[in-house]
Amino acid sequence: MDRLDNTIRPYAWGSTTAIPRLLGAEPTGEPQAEMWMGAHPGAPSRTDRGTLVEVIDADPERELGPDTVAKFGPRLPFLLKLLAAGAPLSLQVHPDLTQAKEGYADEERRGVPVTAPHRTYKDANHKPELICALTEFDGLCGFRDPQRAAELLAGLGVDSLKPYVDLLHAHPEEAALREVLTAVLTADPDEMARTVTEAAAACDRLGGPYAPYADIAHHYPGDPGVIAAMLLNHVRLQPGEALFLGAGVPHAYLDGLGVEIMANSDNVLRCGLTPKHVDVPELLCIVRFEAGDPGVLRPEAGPDGEEVYETPIDEFRLSRYVLPAGGATHDLTLTAPQILLCTAGSVRVGEHELTPGASVFVPSGEKTEASGTGTLFRATVVV
């Protein structure tokens, strides 16, 4: 197995302290938003044998196993991250696999450069995600019931929001959510900025359920995404709880530290809370206008102490082991590739002693045992 040396991405929304605190390192004063573990070409993990991309490319069947290669091709199909939000991320949604393939092919035919700021599809893959909280973790996930969204907007007492309140009351669920999101994202920018400013002041004054949106508006003054965010469920995860974000589900992370895993893709359609390009027509084709509970996940007990976060996709499978002092040694051998990440305590995996933030890549079929006292996350695939 290979100990991983991982890149930390300094995105502006990142916390300056959460990842250093986990690693036991001094903060640099700069945001440290994500630590990437995997073979994403943008920032592949490094090993003594080269980057993880180079290691896998040299012998895909040995590293990934024949079943994984047959199902997903000669590449690691997931990316594992530590994610530390100190400010809200952009409000976003991801396409399903068919939409990604068609959208990518269309932009390729039209000659839109992959690096162009208005390019929507960076690749032909979908991007389901799972976020598991290590600390209290705030986010937005999926649409509220339109009646509840109407009550929240009406409670601000902002006259320019009344047409949206009326729409939410007057239409069937899907039509109501679609019409209001479309109206918010296509409104005159100056008029919307004034509405957002007035709404933000009311959120500040009212507090309570409005407090998350006051904070969002503080970071993104005048952004229509502030109003769009109020259409979504606010979720506060406790440590160990998780959210699965499937295709078409609008979401945003607001604050906290978590372990994130996703299919290896860069396809993001933004709905707001960003200076980046918002492709409204394409966005409206991708968003699923369905209200519902965000569906907080808790791990399900599996064999030999493994706790599994069940999801409906095969590109990744996330689980954890919470190892007590004096506990048994656990056999983690799989006929699939895996990345093991320690987030608490000290866990011995093979010849490697893992402390918080340390990780290893384990090739398919390699004998793997874990012992010690702490928490170990396992990322693998379903084959």
Protein backbone atom coordinates (compact mmCIF):
# COMPACT_ATOMS: atom_id res chain seq x y z
CA MET A 1 0.00 0.00 0.00
CA ASP A 2 1.07 3.60 -0.53
CA ARG A 3 1.06 6.42 2.00
CA LEU A 4 -0.48 9.47 0.33
CA ASP A 5 0.89 12.99 0.20
CA ASN A 6 -2.13 15.15 -0.58
CA THR A 7 -2.70 18.65 -1.94
CA ILE A 8 -4.67 21.20 0.07
CA ARG A 9 -6.69 23.58 -2.11
CA PRO A 10 -6.82 27.24 -0.93
CA TYR A 11 -10.29 28.20 -2.18
CA ALA A 12 -11.50 31.53 -0.77
CA TRP A 13 -14.46 29.95 1.10
CA GLY A 14 -12.20 27.62 3.07
CA SER A 15 -11.67 27.72 6.81
CA THR A 16 -8.27 29.00 7.92
CA THR A 17 -8.21 26.72 10.98
CA ALA A 18 -10.27 23.51 10.59
CA ILE A 19 -7.87 21.40 8.49
CA PRO A 20 -4.73 22.61 10.36
CA ARG A 21 -6.45 21.75 13.66
CA LEU A 22 -7.23 18.22 12.44
CA LEU A 23 -3.66 17.77 11.17
CA GLY A 24 -2.12 19.22 14.34
CA ALA A 25 -0.42 21.93 12.27
CA GLU A 26 -0.11 25.67 12.65
CA PRO A 27 -2.55 27.69 10.52
CA THR A 28 -0.91 29.66 7.72
CA GLY A 29 -3.49 32.45 7.84
CA GLU A 30 -4.68 31.44 4.35
CA PRO A 31 -7.89 29.50 3.67
CA GLN A 32 -7.45 25.73 3.49
CA ALA A 33 -10.65 24.50 1.88
CA GLU A 34 -10.12 20.94 0.64
CA MET A 35 -7.55 18.19 0.91
CA TRP A 36 -7.79 15.88 -2.10
CA MET A 37 -7.11 12.13 -1.89
CA GLY A 38 -7.22 10.25 -5.14
CA ALA A 39 -6.22 10.32 -8.79
CA HIS A 40 -8.00 13.45 -10.01
CA PRO A 41 -5.72 14.98 -12.70
CA GLY A 42 -6.15 18.43 -11.15
CA ALA A 43 -4.30 17.46 -7.95
CA PRO A 44 -3.44 13.75 -7.76
CA SER A 45 -2.11 12.33 -4.52
CA ARG A 46 1.61 11.63 -4.49
CA THR A 47 3.28 8.38 -3.45
CA ASP A 48 6.84 7.01 -3.36
CA ARG A 49 6.04 5.44 -6.76
CA GLY A 50 4.91 8.69 -8.38
CA THR A 51 1.49 10.34 -8.50
CA LEU A 52 -1.49 8.07 -7.97
CA VAL A 53 -2.45 8.72 -11.61
CA GLU A 54 0.96 7.40 -12.71
CA VAL A 55 0.76 4.41 -10.36
CA ILE A 56 -2.67 3.37 -11.69
CA ASP A 57 -1.80 4.07 -15.34
CA ALA A 58 1.25 1.77 -15.07
CA ASP A 59 -0.89 -1.28 -14.22
CA PRO A 60 -4.64 -0.58 -13.86
CA GLU A 61 -5.70 -4.20 -13.31
CA ARG A 62 -3.15 -4.75 -10.55
CA GLU A 63 -3.97 -1.52 -8.71
CA LEU A 64 -7.74 -1.40 -9.23
CA GLY A 65 -8.58 -5.04 -9.81
CA PRO A 66 -10.11 -6.55 -12.97
CA ASP A 67 -13.71 -6.08 -11.78
CA THR A 68 -13.22 -2.35 -11.17
CA VAL A 69 -11.51 -1.87 -14.54
CA ALA A 70 -14.28 -3.80 -16.31
CA LYS A 71 -16.99 -1.68 -14.66
CA PHE A 72 -15.44 1.80 -14.60
CA GLY A 73 -12.43 1.70 -16.93
CA PRO A 74 -8.75 2.02 -16.02
CA ARG A 75 -9.18 4.89 -13.55
CA LEU A 76 -10.07 5.41 -9.91
CA PRO A 77 -13.76 6.39 -10.15
CA PHE A 78 -13.96 8.47 -6.95
CA LEU A 79 -12.29 11.40 -5.23
CA LEU A 80 -12.08 11.58 -1.43
CA LYS A 81 -11.69 14.93 0.35
CA LEU A 82 -11.47 16.65 3.66
CA LEU A 83 -13.71 19.70 3.18
CA ALA A 84 -13.55 22.70 5.52
CA ALA A 85 -16.10 25.43 4.83
CA GLY A 86 -15.53 28.74 6.58
CA ALA A 87 -17.98 30.56 4.30
CA PRO A 88 -20.84 29.40 2.05
CA LEU A 89 -19.95 27.58 -1.16
CA SER A 90 -21.82 28.34 -4.37
CA LEU A 91 -25.40 27.11 -4.67
CA GLN A 92 -25.08 24.30 -7.20
CA VAL A 93 -26.47 21.20 -8.86
CA HIS A 94 -24.96 18.29 -10.79
CA PRO A 95 -26.20 16.47 -13.93
CA ASP A 96 -27.01 12.78 -14.16
CA LEU A 97 -24.86 10.54 -16.34
CA THR A 98 -26.98 10.89 -19.49
CA GLN A 99 -27.16 14.68 -19.16
CA ALA A 100 -23.40 14.89 -18.61
CA LYS A 101 -22.61 12.78 -21.67
CA GLU A 102 -25.01 14.75 -23.89
CA GLY A 103 -23.95 18.15 -22.56
CA TYR A 104 -20.25 17.37 -22.92
CA ALA A 105 -20.69 16.07 -26.46
CA ASP A 106 -22.71 19.15 -27.42
CA GLU A 107 -20.09 21.60 -26.15
CA GLU A 108 -17.34 19.58 -27.82
CA ARG A 109 -19.23 19.74 -31.15
CA ARG A 110 -19.65 23.50 -30.75
CA GLY A 111 -15.96 23.93 -30.03
CA VAL A 112 -16.38 25.52 -26.58
CA PRO A 113 -12.93 25.33 -24.93
CA VAL A 114 -12.89 23.23 -21.75
CA THR A 115 -11.14 26.11 -20.00
CA ALA A 116 -13.70 28.73 -21.12
CA PRO A 117 -15.43 30.44 -18.16
CA HIS A 118 -18.84 29.85 -19.80
CA ARG A 119 -18.19 26.14 -20.39
CA THR A 120 -20.74 24.07 -18.45
CA TYR A 121 -19.63 20.45 -18.92
CA LYS A 122 -15.96 19.76 -18.17
CA ASP A 123 -16.28 16.00 -18.73
CA ALA A 124 -18.82 13.31 -19.60
CA ASN A 125 -19.37 11.98 -16.09
CA HIS A 126 -21.96 12.55 -13.38
CA LYS A 127 -21.00 13.84 -9.92
CA PRO A 128 -23.02 12.34 -7.08
CA GLU A 129 -21.59 13.34 -3.69
CA LEU A 130 -21.70 12.34 -0.04
CA ILE A 131 -20.64 14.64 2.81
CA CYS A 132 -20.10 13.18 6.30
CA ALA A 133 -19.74 15.67 9.16
CA LEU A 134 -16.70 15.58 11.44
CA THR A 135 -17.92 18.68 13.30
CA GLU A 136 -21.33 20.33 13.34
CA PHE A 137 -21.89 21.01 9.65
CA ASP A 138 -24.43 23.42 8.12
CA GLY A 139 -25.73 23.07 4.59
CA LEU A 140 -28.64 23.51 2.21
CA CYS A 141 -30.10 20.45 0.50
CA GLY A 142 -33.14 20.10 -1.75
CA PHE A 143 -36.29 22.19 -1.97
CA ARG A 144 -38.56 23.05 0.94
CA ASP A 145 -42.26 22.46 0.58
CA PRO A 146 -43.47 25.50 -1.45
CA GLN A 147 -45.90 26.52 1.30
CA ARG A 148 -43.11 26.57 3.88
CA ALA A 149 -40.88 28.52 1.49
CA ALA A 150 -43.70 31.01 0.96
CA GLU A 151 -44.10 31.47 4.72
CA LEU A 152 -40.37 32.07 5.13
CA LEU A 153 -40.27 34.70 2.37
CA ALA A 154 -43.50 36.36 3.54
CA GLY A 155 -42.12 36.65 7.06
CA LEU A 156 -39.43 39.05 5.83
CA GLY A 157 -42.01 41.71 5.07
CA VAL A 158 -40.29 42.69 1.82
CA ASP A 159 -42.81 44.00 -0.74
CA SER A 160 -40.75 42.99 -3.78
CA LEU A 161 -40.85 39.34 -2.63
CA LYS A 162 -44.67 39.22 -2.63
CA PRO A 163 -44.94 38.03 -6.28
CA TYR A 164 -42.74 35.02 -5.40
CA VAL A 165 -44.86 34.30 -2.33
CA ASP A 166 -48.00 34.40 -4.48
CA LEU A 167 -46.46 32.03 -7.05
CA LEU A 168 -45.50 29.55 -4.35
CA HIS A 169 -49.06 29.54 -3.04
CA ALA A 170 -50.82 29.45 -6.40
CA HIS A 171 -49.20 26.63 -8.38
CA PRO A 172 -48.60 22.89 -8.08
CA GLU A 173 -45.30 22.08 -6.38
CA GLU A 174 -43.03 21.54 -9.40
CA ALA A 175 -44.41 24.53 -11.34
CA ALA A 176 -44.21 26.80 -8.30
CA LEU A 177 -40.58 26.01 -7.56
CA ARG A 178 -39.58 26.21 -11.22
CA GLU A 179 -41.31 29.57 -11.78
CA VAL A 180 -39.89 31.17 -8.66
CA LEU A 181 -36.31 29.99 -9.23
CA THR A 182 -36.52 31.13 -12.86
CA ALA A 183 -37.90 34.52 -11.83
CA VAL A 184 -35.19 35.04 -9.20
CA LEU A 185 -32.31 34.14 -11.54
CA THR A 186 -33.62 36.18 -14.50
CA ALA A 187 -34.74 39.30 -12.62
CA ASP A 188 -33.21 42.70 -13.36
CA PRO A 189 -29.86 42.60 -11.51
CA ASP A 190 -30.21 46.04 -9.94
CA GLU A 191 -33.76 45.41 -8.75
CA MET A 192 -32.77 42.00 -7.38
CA ALA A 193 -29.77 43.48 -5.58
CA ARG A 194 -32.09 45.92 -3.82
CA THR A 195 -34.47 43.11 -2.88
CA VAL A 196 -31.61 41.02 -1.51
CA THR A 197 -30.28 43.95 0.51
CA GLU A 198 -33.69 44.55 2.06
CA ALA A 199 -34.20 40.82 2.69
CA ALA A 200 -30.75 40.53 4.29
CA ALA A 201 -31.52 43.36 6.71
CA ALA A 202 -34.75 41.61 7.70
CA CYS A 203 -32.90 38.29 8.20
CA ASP A 204 -30.41 40.06 10.46
CA ARG A 205 -33.21 41.60 12.47
CA LEU A 206 -35.32 38.45 12.79
CA GLY A 207 -32.60 35.86 13.49
CA GLY A 208 -33.72 32.32 14.35
CA PRO A 209 -34.54 30.40 11.15
CA TYR A 210 -33.41 33.46 9.14
CA ALA A 211 -29.88 33.52 10.64
CA PRO A 212 -28.28 31.21 8.03
CA TYR A 213 -29.53 33.45 5.21
CA ALA A 214 -28.27 36.59 6.97
CA ASP A 215 -24.82 34.98 7.01
CA ILE A 216 -25.08 33.97 3.35
CA ALA A 217 -26.06 37.54 2.42
CA HIS A 218 -23.10 38.89 4.40
CA HIS A 219 -20.75 36.86 2.20
CA TYR A 220 -22.66 37.47 -1.07
CA PRO A 221 -24.32 40.91 -0.83
CA GLY A 222 -26.91 41.51 -3.53
CA ASP A 223 -26.58 37.99 -4.99
CA PRO A 224 -29.89 36.47 -6.22
CA GLY A 225 -28.67 33.18 -4.79
CA VAL A 226 -29.59 34.51 -1.33
CA ILE A 227 -33.27 34.38 -2.28
CA ALA A 228 -32.83 31.07 -4.11
CA ALA A 229 -31.23 29.64 -0.96
CA MET A 230 -34.38 30.39 1.01
CA LEU A 231 -36.25 27.92 -1.20
CA LEU A 232 -34.04 25.10 0.14
CA ASN A 233 -33.96 23.04 3.32
CA HIS A 234 -31.44 24.19 5.89
CA VAL A 235 -29.70 21.18 7.48
CA ARG A 236 -27.38 20.99 10.50
CA LEU A 237 -25.50 17.70 10.63
CA GLN A 238 -24.04 16.36 13.84
CA PRO A 239 -20.67 14.54 13.72
CA GLY A 240 -21.11 11.20 12.00
CA GLU A 241 -24.25 12.23 10.11
CA ALA A 242 -24.16 12.58 6.33
CA LEU A 243 -26.00 13.87 3.26
CA PHE A 244 -26.14 12.24 -0.15
CA LEU A 245 -26.46 14.72 -3.03
CA GLY A 246 -27.81 13.01 -6.12
CA ALA A 247 -28.27 14.42 -9.62
CA GLY A 248 -30.49 17.46 -9.91
CA VAL A 249 -30.60 18.25 -6.18
CA PRO A 250 -29.68 21.90 -5.47
CA HIS A 251 -27.34 22.25 -2.50
CA ALA A 252 -24.65 24.32 -0.84
CA TYR A 253 -22.30 23.78 2.09
CA LEU A 254 -22.26 26.65 4.58
CA ASP A 255 -19.93 25.89 7.47
CA GLY A 256 -18.08 22.99 9.06
CA LEU A 257 -15.55 20.20 8.53
CA GLY A 258 -16.43 16.94 6.83
CA VAL A 259 -15.26 13.98 4.79
CA GLU A 260 -16.58 14.25 1.23
CA ILE A 261 -16.56 11.63 -1.48
CA MET A 262 -17.75 12.02 -5.06
CA ALA A 263 -17.59 10.52 -8.50
CA ASN A 264 -14.54 11.78 -10.36
CA SER A 265 -16.09 14.72 -12.26
CA ASP A 266 -15.94 18.52 -12.44
CA ASN A 267 -19.49 19.06 -13.72
CA VAL A 268 -21.13 21.82 -11.66
CA LEU A 269 -24.05 24.05 -12.67
CA ARG A 270 -24.29 27.05 -10.37
CA CYS A 271 -27.51 28.67 -9.16
CA GLY A 272 -25.96 31.64 -7.36
CA LEU A 273 -23.65 32.69 -4.50
CA THR A 274 -20.80 32.95 -6.97
CA PRO A 275 -19.15 35.40 -9.37
CA LYS A 276 -18.82 32.51 -11.86
CA HIS A 277 -21.01 31.87 -14.90
CA VAL A 278 -24.64 30.85 -14.23
CA ASP A 279 -26.16 29.08 -17.26
CA VAL A 280 -29.83 29.56 -16.39
CA PRO A 281 -31.42 27.68 -19.34
CA GLU A 282 -29.22 24.61 -18.83
CA LEU A 283 -29.62 24.82 -15.08
CA LEU A 284 -33.40 24.67 -15.39
CA CYS A 285 -33.05 21.49 -17.47
CA ILE A 286 -30.95 19.82 -14.76
CA VAL A 287 -32.65 20.86 -11.50
CA ARG A 288 -35.22 18.44 -10.09
CA PHE A 289 -38.05 20.61 -8.81
CA GLU A 290 -39.15 18.21 -6.09
CA ALA A 291 -39.69 19.22 -2.48
CA GLY A 292 -38.85 16.81 0.29
CA ASP A 293 -36.88 15.95 3.38
CA PRO A 294 -33.11 16.24 2.81
CA GLY A 295 -32.64 12.69 4.09
CA VAL A 296 -29.93 12.79 6.74
CA LEU A 297 -27.92 9.53 6.65
CA ARG A 298 -26.56 7.69 9.66
CA PRO A 299 -24.16 4.78 9.25
CA GLU A 300 -25.57 1.27 9.23
CA ALA A 301 -23.72 -1.45 11.14
CA GLY A 302 -22.01 -3.97 8.92
CA PRO A 303 -19.76 -6.98 9.61
CA ASP A 304 -16.57 -6.70 11.69
CA GLY A 305 -17.35 -3.24 13.07
CA GLU A 306 -17.70 -1.49 9.71
CA GLU A 307 -20.32 1.30 9.62
CA VAL A 308 -21.59 1.95 6.07
CA TYR A 309 -23.18 5.06 4.57
CA GLU A 310 -25.58 3.50 2.07
CA THR A 311 -26.02 5.29 -1.28
CA PRO A 312 -27.66 4.27 -4.57
CA ILE A 313 -24.56 4.57 -6.78
CA ASP A 314 -21.53 2.35 -7.43
CA GLU A 315 -18.65 4.77 -8.12
CA PHE A 316 -18.00 5.09 -4.40
CA ARG A 317 -18.83 3.51 -1.07
CA LEU A 318 -17.95 5.30 2.18
CA SER A 319 -17.74 3.61 5.56
CA ARG A 320 -15.93 4.07 8.84
CA TYR A 321 -14.45 2.09 11.70
CA VAL A 322 -14.57 3.56 15.19
CA LEU A 323 -11.84 1.57 16.96
CA PRO A 324 -11.94 1.42 20.77
CA ALA A 325 -8.89 1.08 22.99
CA GLY A 326 -7.85 -2.55 23.27
CA GLY A 327 -10.15 -3.56 20.43
CA ALA A 328 -9.62 -6.33 17.89
CA THR A 329 -7.65 -6.14 14.67
CA HIS A 330 -9.92 -5.69 11.64
CA ASP A 331 -9.35 -7.34 8.26
CA LEU A 332 -9.98 -4.70 5.57
CA THR A 333 -8.83 -6.74 2.55
CA LEU A 334 -10.96 -6.14 -0.57
CA THR A 335 -10.92 -7.15 -4.23
CA ALA A 336 -11.28 -3.44 -5.06
CA PRO A 337 -9.11 -0.36 -4.55
CA GLN A 338 -9.50 1.62 -1.36
CA ILE A 339 -8.30 4.80 0.31
CA LEU A 340 -8.15 4.74 4.11
CA LEU A 341 -8.22 8.05 6.01
CA CYS A 342 -7.69 8.53 9.75
CA THR A 343 -9.69 11.37 11.30
CA ALA A 344 -9.12 10.75 15.01
CA GLY A 345 -6.70 8.91 17.30
CA SER A 346 -3.95 6.66 15.96
CA VAL A 347 -4.68 3.73 13.67
CA ARG A 348 -2.15 1.24 12.36
CA VAL A 349 -2.81 0.03 8.80
CA GLY A 350 -0.24 -2.48 7.61
CA GLU A 351 3.14 -0.86 8.25
CA HIS A 352 1.70 2.67 8.42
CA GLU A 353 0.78 4.50 11.62
CA LEU A 354 -1.99 6.91 10.67
CA THR A 355 -2.78 10.03 12.70
CA PRO A 356 -5.58 12.51 11.87
CA GLY A 357 -5.42 13.59 8.24
CA ALA A 358 -3.09 10.77 7.14
CA SER A 359 -4.19 8.38 4.41
CA VAL A 360 -3.08 5.39 2.34
CA PHE A 361 -4.03 3.89 -1.01
CA VAL A 362 -4.54 0.12 -0.91
CA PRO A 363 -4.47 -1.77 -4.23
CA SER A 364 -7.09 -4.40 -4.98
CA GLY A 365 -6.52 -7.69 -3.17
CA GLU A 366 -3.71 -6.50 -0.90
CA LYS A 367 -3.87 -8.00 2.59
CA THR A 368 -4.90 -5.13 4.88
CA GLU A 369 -5.43 -5.05 8.63
CA ALA A 370 -6.27 -2.12 10.90
CA SER A 371 -5.82 -1.77 14.65
CA GLY A 372 -5.42 0.96 17.23
CA THR A 373 -7.67 3.54 18.83
CA GLY A 374 -9.40 6.09 16.62
CA THR A 375 -11.61 6.62 13.58
CA LEU A 376 -10.77 5.31 10.13
CA PHE A 377 -12.80 6.12 7.00
CA ARG A 378 -12.76 3.70 4.09
CA ALA A 379 -13.45 4.82 0.51
CA THR A 380 -13.90 2.15 -2.14
CA VAL A 381 -16.20 1.15 -5.03
CA VAL A 382 -19.10 -1.25 -5.51
CA VAL A 383 -18.26 -4.02 -7.99
